[in-house]
Each structure stands twice: as structure tokens, then as C-alpha cells.
PDB file of N, CA and C in Angstrom:
ATOM      1  N   UNK A   1      48.595-111.907 182.715  1.00  0.00           N
ATOM      2  CA  UNK A   1      49.098-112.377 181.574  1.00  0.00           C
ATOM      3  C   UNK A   1      47.958-111.557 180.295  1.00  0.00           C
ATOM      4  N   UNK A   2      46.682-111.759 180.653  1.00  0.00           N
ATOM      5  CA  UNK A   2      46.279-111.361 179.585  1.00  0.00           C
ATOM      6  C   UNK A   2      45.804-109.972 179.756  1.00  0.00           C
ATOM      7  N   UNK A   3      46.065-109.092 180.845  1.00  0.00           N
ATOM      8  CA  UNK A   3      45.783-107.334 180.662  1.00  0.00           C
ATOM      9  C   UNK A   3      46.975-106.791 179.778  1.00  0.00           C
ATOM     10  N   UNK A   4      47.549-107.415 179.747  1.00  0.00           N
ATOM     11  CA  UNK A   4      48.805-106.759 179.037  1.00  0.00           C
ATOM     12  C   UNK A   4      48.735-107.027 177.422  1.00  0.00           C
ATOM     13  N   UNK A   5      48.613-105.863 176.791  1.00  0.00           N
ATOM     14  CA  UNK A   5      48.182-106.059 175.569  1.00  0.00           C
ATOM     15  C   UNK A   5      49.605-106.321 174.712  1.00  0.00           C
ATOM     16  N   UNK A   6      49.141-107.320 173.118  1.00  0.00           N
ATOM     17  CA  UNK A   6      49.841-107.771 172.853  1.00  0.00           C
ATOM     18  C   UNK A   6      50.902-106.997 172.146  1.00  0.00           C
ATOM     19  N   UNK A   7      51.303-105.321 172.043  1.00  0.00           N
ATOM     20  CA  UNK A   7      51.699-104.714 171.840  1.00  0.00           C
ATOM     21  C   UNK A   7      52.819-104.099 172.580  1.00  0.00           C
ATOM     22  N   UNK A   8      52.536-104.565 173.781  1.00  0.00           N
ATOM     23  CA  UNK A   8      53.810-104.183 174.989  1.00  0.00           C
ATOM     24  C   UNK A   8      54.457-105.881 175.098  1.00  0.00           C
ATOM     25  N   UNK A   9      53.409-106.548 174.946  1.00  0.00           N
ATOM     26  CA  UNK A   9      54.833-107.943 174.748  1.00  0.00           C
ATOM     27  C   UNK A   9      55.504-108.022 173.952  1.00  0.00           C
ATOM     28  N   UNK A  10      55.248-107.638 172.684  1.00  0.00           N
ATOM     29  CA  UNK A  10      56.171-107.627 171.699  1.00  0.00           C
ATOM     30  C   UNK A  10      57.042-106.398 171.839  1.00  0.00           C
ATOM     31  N   UNK A  11      56.629-105.400 172.208  1.00  0.00           N
ATOM     32  CA  UNK A  11      58.362-104.389 172.844  1.00  0.00           C
ATOM     33  C   UNK A  11      58.919-105.521 173.763  1.00  0.00           C
ATOM     34  N   UNK A  12      58.487-106.409 174.857  1.00  0.00           N
ATOM     35  CA  UNK A  12      59.195-106.402 176.375  1.00  0.00           C
ATOM     36  C   UNK A  12      60.116-107.617 175.270  1.00  0.00           C
ATOM     37  N   UNK A  13      59.513-108.553 174.499  1.00  0.00           N
ATOM     38  CA  UNK A  13      60.368-109.422 173.333  1.00  0.00           C
ATOM     39  C   UNK A  13      61.298-108.737 172.520  1.00  0.00           C
ATOM     40  N   UNK A  14      61.166-107.433 172.001  1.00  0.00           N
ATOM     41  CA  UNK A  14      61.849-107.212 170.948  1.00  0.00           C
ATOM     42  C   UNK A  14      63.137-106.384 171.567  1.00  0.00           C
ATOM     43  N   UNK A  15      62.781-106.140 172.693  1.00  0.00           N
ATOM     44  CA  UNK A  15      63.636-105.614 173.869  1.00  0.00           C
ATOM     45  C   UNK A  15      64.735-107.043 174.142  1.00  0.00           C
ATOM     46  N   UNK A  16      64.232-107.696 174.305  1.00  0.00           N
ATOM     47  CA  UNK A  16      64.927-109.223 175.151  1.00  0.00           C
ATOM     48  C   UNK A  16      65.726-109.571 174.169  1.00  0.00           C
ATOM     49  N   UNK A  17      64.892-110.578 173.298  1.00  0.00           N
ATOM     50  CA  UNK A  17      65.632-111.273 172.157  1.00  0.00           C
ATOM     51  C   UNK A  17      66.285-110.281 170.858  1.00  0.00           C
ATOM     52  N   UNK A  18      65.974-108.985 170.808  1.00  0.00           N
ATOM     53  CA  UNK A  18      65.917-108.433 169.681  1.00  0.00           C
ATOM     54  C   UNK A  18      64.737-108.250 168.357  1.00  0.00           C
ATOM     55  N   UNK A  19      64.864-107.772 167.545  1.00  0.00           N
ATOM     56  CA  UNK A  19      63.986-107.583 166.310  1.00  0.00           C
ATOM     57  C   UNK A  19      64.379-108.570 165.536  1.00  0.00           C
ATOM     58  N   UNK A  20      63.037-109.519 165.412  1.00  0.00           N
ATOM     59  CA  UNK A  20      62.803-110.168 164.101  1.00  0.00           C
ATOM     60  C   UNK A  20      61.774-111.124 164.233  1.00  0.00           C
ATOM     61  N   UNK A  21      61.268-112.012 163.613  1.00  0.00           N
ATOM     62  CA  UNK A  21      60.462-113.247 163.795  1.00  0.00           C
ATOM     63  C   UNK A  21      60.392-114.182 165.160  1.00  0.00           C
ATOM     64  N   UNK A  22      61.351-114.058 166.008  1.00  0.00           N
ATOM     65  CA  UNK A  22      61.359-114.443 167.395  1.00  0.00           C
ATOM     66  C   UNK A  22      59.924-114.034 168.221  1.00  0.00           C
ATOM     67  N   UNK A  23      60.575-112.559 168.365  1.00  0.00           N
ATOM     68  CA  UNK A  23      60.029-111.919 169.256  1.00  0.00           C
ATOM     69  C   UNK A  23      58.244-112.028 169.024  1.00  0.00           C
ATOM     70  N   UNK A  24      58.040-111.780 167.583  1.00  0.00           N
ATOM     71  CA  UNK A  24      56.691-111.976 167.356  1.00  0.00           C
ATOM     72  C   UNK A  24      55.703-113.420 167.636  1.00  0.00           C
ATOM     73  N   UNK A  25      57.091-114.499 167.687  1.00  0.00           N
ATOM     74  CA  UNK A  25      56.512-115.830 167.774  1.00  0.00           C
ATOM     75  C   UNK A  25      56.312-115.819 168.984  1.00  0.00           C
ATOM     76  N   UNK A  26      57.109-115.253 170.262  1.00  0.00           N
ATOM     77  CA  UNK A  26      57.311-115.172 171.268  1.00  0.00           C
ATOM     78  C   UNK A  26      55.878-114.598 172.108  1.00  0.00           C
ATOM     79  N   UNK A  27      55.657-113.477 171.241  1.00  0.00           N
ATOM     80  CA  UNK A  27      54.491-112.588 171.768  1.00  0.00           C
ATOM     81  C   UNK A  27      52.968-113.572 171.904  1.00  0.00           C
ATOM     82  N   UNK A  28      53.052-114.353 170.193  1.00  0.00           N
ATOM     83  CA  UNK A  28      51.713-114.985 169.813  1.00  0.00           C
ATOM     84  C   UNK A  28      51.710-116.281 170.844  1.00  0.00           C
ATOM     85  N   UNK A  29      52.661-116.646 171.625  1.00  0.00           N
ATOM     86  CA  UNK A  29      52.622-117.773 172.475  1.00  0.00           C
ATOM     87  C   UNK A  29      52.332-117.192 173.865  1.00  0.00           C
ATOM     88  N   UNK A  30      52.529-116.261 174.139  1.00  0.00           N
ATOM     89  CA  UNK A  30      52.434-115.795 175.762  1.00  0.00           C
ATOM     90  C   UNK A  30      51.061-115.136 175.628  1.00  0.00           C
ATOM     91  N   UNK A  31      50.328-114.686 174.412  1.00  0.00           N
ATOM     92  CA  UNK A  31      48.829-114.361 174.160  1.00  0.00           C
ATOM     93  C   UNK A  31      48.159-115.635 174.334  1.00  0.00           C
ATOM     94  N   UNK A  32      48.383-116.565 173.649  1.00  0.00           N
ATOM     95  CA  UNK A  32      47.756-118.154 173.189  1.00  0.00           C
ATOM     96  C   UNK A  32      47.429-118.618 174.631  1.00  0.00           C
ATOM     97  N   UNK A  33      48.882-118.480 175.284  1.00  0.00           N
ATOM     98  CA  UNK A  33      48.634-119.297 176.745  1.00  0.00           C
ATOM     99  C   UNK A  33      47.434-118.591 177.520  1.00  0.00           C
ATOM    100  N   UNK A  34      47.649-117.368 177.433  1.00  0.00           N
ATOM    101  CA  UNK A  34      46.949-116.322 178.471  1.00  0.00           C
ATOM    102  C   UNK A  34      45.229-116.591 178.060  1.00  0.00           C
ATOM    103  N   UNK A  35      45.079-117.224 176.715  1.00  0.00           N
ATOM    104  CA  UNK A  35      43.418-117.312 176.453  1.00  0.00           C
ATOM    105  C   UNK A  35      43.197-118.595 176.625  1.00  0.00           C
ATOM    106  N   UNK A  36      44.211-119.423 176.346  1.00  0.00           N
ATOM    107  CA  UNK A  36      43.878-120.948 176.304  1.00  0.00           C
ATOM    108  C   UNK A  36      43.686-120.958 178.282  1.00  0.00           C
ATOM    109  N   UNK A  37      44.444-120.744 178.904  1.00  0.00           N
ATOM    110  CA  UNK A  37      44.178-120.763 180.405  1.00  0.00           C
ATOM    111  C   UNK A  37      42.925-120.070 180.726  1.00  0.00           C
ATOM    112  N   UNK A  38      42.388-119.052 180.576  1.00  0.00           N
ATOM    113  CA  UNK A  38      41.063-118.585 180.619  1.00  0.00           C
ATOM    114  C   UNK A  38      40.075-119.266 180.546  1.00  0.00           C
ATOM    115  N   UNK A  39      40.230-119.944 179.151  1.00  0.00           N
ATOM    116  CA  UNK A  39      39.148-120.924 178.745  1.00  0.00           C
ATOM    117  C   UNK A  39      39.588-122.316 179.512  1.00  0.00           C
ATOM    118  N   UNK A  40      40.252-123.052 179.399  1.00  0.00           N
ATOM    119  CA  UNK A  40      40.145-123.917 180.156  1.00  0.00           C
ATOM    120  C   UNK A  40      39.584-123.634 181.611  1.00  0.00           C
ATOM    121  N   UNK A  41      40.446-122.796 182.336  1.00  0.00           N
ATOM    122  CA  UNK A  41      39.333-122.747 183.840  1.00  0.00           C
ATOM    123  C   UNK A  41      38.330-122.538 184.042  1.00  0.00           C
ATOM    124  N   UNK A  42      37.855-121.421 183.052  1.00  0.00           N
ATOM    125  CA  UNK A  42      36.325-121.588 182.398  1.00  0.00           C
ATOM    126  C   UNK A  42      35.383-122.749 182.406  1.00  0.00           C
ATOM    127  N   UNK A  43      35.683-123.552 181.904  1.00  0.00           N
ATOM    128  CA  UNK A  43      35.455-125.123 181.687  1.00  0.00           C
ATOM    129  C   UNK A  43      35.397-125.915 182.889  1.00  0.00           C
ATOM    130  N   UNK A  44      36.599-125.856 183.757  1.00  0.00           N
ATOM    131  CA  UNK A  44      36.707-126.750 184.279  1.00  0.00           C
ATOM    132  C   UNK A  44      35.963-126.159 185.899  1.00  0.00           C
ATOM    133  N   UNK A  45      35.610-124.642 186.058  1.00  0.00           N
ATOM    134  CA  UNK A  45      34.531-124.466 187.027  1.00  0.00           C
ATOM    135  C   UNK A  45      33.301-124.835 186.466  1.00  0.00           C
ATOM    136  N   UNK A  46      32.728-124.904 184.981  1.00  0.00           N
ATOM    137  CA  UNK A  46      31.491-125.308 184.996  1.00  0.00           C
ATOM    138  C   UNK A  46      31.132-126.886 185.144  1.00  0.00           C
ATOM    139  N   UNK A  47      32.339-127.985 185.789  1.00  0.00           N
ATOM    140  CA  UNK A  47      32.078-129.386 185.476  1.00  0.00           C
ATOM    141  C   UNK A  47      31.224-129.742 187.324  1.00  0.00           C
ATOM    142  N   UNK A  48      30.615-130.937 186.853  1.00  0.00           N
ATOM    143  CA  UNK A  48      29.612-131.316 187.903  1.00  0.00           C
ATOM    144  C   UNK A  48      30.854-131.429 189.196  1.00  0.00           C
ATOM    145  N   UNK A  49      30.494-131.288 190.429  1.00  0.00           N
ATOM    146  CA  UNK A  49      31.436-131.475 191.504  1.00  0.00           C
ATOM    147  C   UNK A  49      31.221-132.986 192.146  1.00  0.00           C
ATOM    148  N   UNK A  50      30.290-133.570 191.613  1.00  0.00           N
ATOM    149  CA  UNK A  50      29.766-135.130 191.929  1.00  0.00           C
ATOM    150  C   UNK A  50      31.050-136.172 191.870  1.00  0.00           C
ATOM    151  N   UNK A  51      31.315-136.369 190.658  1.00  0.00           N
ATOM    152  CA  UNK A  51      32.438-137.339 190.427  1.00  0.00           C
ATOM    153  C   UNK A  51      33.897-137.279 190.956  1.00  0.00           C
ATOM    154  N   UNK A  52      34.116-135.767 191.159  1.00  0.00           N
ATOM    155  CA  UNK A  52      35.642-135.298 192.207  1.00  0.00           C
ATOM    156  C   UNK A  52      35.257-135.171 193.392  1.00  0.00           C
ATOM    157  N   UNK A  53      33.993-135.133 194.106  1.00  0.00           N
ATOM    158  CA  UNK A  53      33.942-135.479 195.620  1.00  0.00           C
ATOM    159  C   UNK A  53      33.850-136.555 195.850  1.00  0.00           C
ATOM    160  N   UNK A  54      33.095-137.671 194.804  1.00  0.00           N
ATOM    161  CA  UNK A  54      33.421-139.161 194.939  1.00  0.00           C
ATOM    162  C   UNK A  54      34.641-140.139 195.282  1.00  0.00           C
ATOM    163  N   UNK A  55      35.314-139.385 194.347  1.00  0.00           N
ATOM    164  CA  UNK A  55      36.937-139.750 193.914  1.00  0.00           C
ATOM    165  C   UNK A  55      37.464-138.722 195.562  1.00  0.00           C
ATOM    166  N   UNK A  56      37.343-137.857 195.826  1.00  0.00           N
ATOM    167  CA  UNK A  56      38.172-137.730 197.494  1.00  0.00           C
ATOM    168  C   UNK A  56      37.763-137.968 198.156  1.00  0.00           C
ATOM    169  N   UNK A  57      36.211-138.493 198.415  1.00  0.00           N
ATOM    170  CA  UNK A  57      36.001-139.170 199.413  1.00  0.00           C
ATOM    171  C   UNK A  57      36.527-140.704 199.847  1.00  0.00           C
ATOM    172  N   UNK A  58      37.057-141.709 198.498  1.00  0.00           N
ATOM    173  CA  UNK A  58      37.605-142.895 198.521  1.00  0.00           C
ATOM    174  C   UNK A  58      39.306-142.306 199.185  1.00  0.00           C
ATOM    175  N   UNK A  59      39.567-141.249 198.787  1.00  0.00           N
ATOM    176  CA  UNK A  59      41.052-141.180 199.572  1.00  0.00           C
ATOM    177  C   UNK A  59      41.698-141.009 198.264  1.00  0.00           C
ATOM    178  N   UNK A  60      41.164-140.847 197.192  1.00  0.00           N
ATOM    179  CA  UNK A  60      42.071-140.366 195.982  1.00  0.00           C
ATOM    180  C   UNK A  60      43.099-139.062 195.835  1.00  0.00           C
ATOM    181  N   UNK A  61      44.307-139.115 195.289  1.00  0.00           N
ATOM    182  CA  UNK A  61      45.274-138.269 195.531  1.00  0.00           C
ATOM    183  C   UNK A  61      44.632-137.349 194.628  1.00  0.00           C
ATOM    184  N   UNK A  62      45.120-135.594 194.375  1.00  0.00           N
ATOM    185  CA  UNK A  62      44.515-134.558 193.703  1.00  0.00           C
ATOM    186  C   UNK A  62      45.053-134.785 191.524  1.00  0.00           C
ATOM    187  N   UNK A  63      46.316-136.018 191.709  1.00  0.00           N
ATOM    188  CA  UNK A  63      46.314-136.404 190.568  1.00  0.00           C
ATOM    189  C   UNK A  63      45.297-137.453 190.343  1.00  0.00           C
ATOM    190  N   UNK A  64      44.772-138.219 190.880  1.00  0.00           N
ATOM    191  CA  UNK A  64      43.958-139.639 190.974  1.00  0.00           C
ATOM    192  C   UNK A  64      42.500-138.840 190.568  1.00  0.00           C
ATOM    193  N   UNK A  65      42.336-137.359 191.128  1.00  0.00           N
ATOM    194  CA  UNK A  65      40.988-136.682 191.124  1.00  0.00           C
ATOM    195  C   UNK A  65      41.313-136.046 189.443  1.00  0.00           C
ATOM    196  N   UNK A  66      42.421-135.241 189.445  1.00  0.00           N
ATOM    197  CA  UNK A  66      42.275-134.939 188.019  1.00  0.00           C
ATOM    198  C   UNK A  66      42.262-135.873 186.919  1.00  0.00           C
ATOM    199  N   UNK A  67      42.844-136.592 186.700  1.00  0.00           N
ATOM    200  CA  UNK A  67      42.625-137.686 185.967  1.00  0.00           C
ATOM    201  C   UNK A  67      41.608-138.766 185.812  1.00  0.00           C
ATOM    202  N   UNK A  68      40.821-138.713 186.638  1.00  0.00           N
ATOM    203  CA  UNK A  68      39.655-139.789 186.923  1.00  0.00           C
ATOM    204  C   UNK A  68      38.450-139.349 186.797  1.00  0.00           C
ATOM    205  N   UNK A  69      38.389-137.498 187.431  1.00  0.00           N
ATOM    206  CA  UNK A  69      36.937-137.057 186.887  1.00  0.00           C
ATOM    207  C   UNK A  69      36.855-136.125 185.899  1.00  0.00           C
ATOM    208  N   UNK A  70      38.088-134.980 186.493  1.00  0.00           N
ATOM    209  CA  UNK A  70      37.862-133.204 185.713  1.00  0.00           C
ATOM    210  C   UNK A  70      38.158-133.626 184.436  1.00  0.00           C
ATOM    211  N   UNK A  71      39.351-134.497 183.794  1.00  0.00           N
ATOM    212  CA  UNK A  71      39.768-134.463 182.298  1.00  0.00           C
ATOM    213  C   UNK A  71      38.759-135.268 181.516  1.00  0.00           C
ATOM    214  N   UNK A  72      38.602-136.431 182.300  1.00  0.00           N
ATOM    215  CA  UNK A  72      37.395-137.109 181.525  1.00  0.00           C
ATOM    216  C   UNK A  72      35.964-136.160 181.179  1.00  0.00           C
ATOM    217  N   UNK A  73      35.390-135.454 182.085  1.00  0.00           N
ATOM    218  CA  UNK A  73      34.191-135.017 181.998  1.00  0.00           C
ATOM    219  C   UNK A  73      34.713-133.812 181.077  1.00  0.00           C
ATOM    220  N   UNK A  74      35.719-132.997 181.282  1.00  0.00           N
ATOM    221  CA  UNK A  74      35.837-132.041 180.483  1.00  0.00           C
ATOM    222  C   UNK A  74      36.288-131.917 179.284  1.00  0.00           C
ATOM    223  N   UNK A  75      36.884-132.965 179.115  1.00  0.00           N
ATOM    224  CA  UNK A  75      37.453-133.206 177.553  1.00  0.00           C
ATOM    225  C   UNK A  75      36.829-133.146 176.466  1.00  0.00           C
ATOM    226  N   UNK A  76      35.610-133.208 176.333  1.00  0.00           N
ATOM    227  CA  UNK A  76      34.770-132.818 174.828  1.00  0.00           C
ATOM    228  C   UNK A  76      34.400-131.085 174.819  1.00  0.00           C
ATOM    229  N   UNK A  77      34.778-130.767 176.155  1.00  0.00           N
ATOM    230  CA  UNK A  77      34.800-129.417 176.068  1.00  0.00           C
ATOM    231  C   UNK A  77      35.996-128.512 175.695  1.00  0.00           C
ATOM    232  N   UNK A  78      36.909-129.165 176.393  1.00  0.00           N
ATOM    233  CA  UNK A  78      38.318-128.513 175.860  1.00  0.00           C
ATOM    234  C   UNK A  78      38.349-129.224 174.518  1.00  0.00           C
ATOM    235  N   UNK A  79      38.175-130.230 173.839  1.00  0.00           N
ATOM    236  CA  UNK A  79      38.811-130.168 172.513  1.00  0.00           C
ATOM    237  C   UNK A  79      37.874-129.299 171.340  1.00  0.00           C
ATOM    238  N   UNK A  80      36.294-129.079 172.173  1.00  0.00           N
ATOM    239  CA  UNK A  80      35.583-128.356 170.946  1.00  0.00           C
ATOM    240  C   UNK A  80      35.437-126.443 171.180  1.00  0.00           C
TER     241      UNK A  80
END
């Protein structure tokens, strides 16, 4: 999603929904989602693996690992 320029997204949305503000809004939404996905994935990769491995070794589910280790550790970086 990030490799496609905004102008191309705008053309795609103008063709699909017509000329108007909705096409621009959809273009901005898609561009923002791509930026946020890259930003959050980089922050998650930087998180210390110790707490998530500890939860995994105790038999926690994937949701438990995310809610118990990844989100609390990465939250300050996500908000910042």
C-alpha cells in the first residue's frame, strides 16, 4: 500500500466513487493506514522479546501475549 503514490490512489478512488471529496478522503485514509502500519511494525520489532517469551512459555495464547506483553511495552512508543 505504501509503494503506490497518493496520486494513483486518488485516481483509483475517483474512478470507483466519482469526483468529489469522498475520493480525497479515501486517499488520505489509505495513505495514513500505510504509514501507521509501517510505524507500528517498526516499534513492535524493537520491543524486548523477554516478556513475550515468558508468557509464551507459560502457555499464553497469542491474544494473551499481545495484550500482556507487546501492547504494554510498546504503548508509550505508539502514543509518542
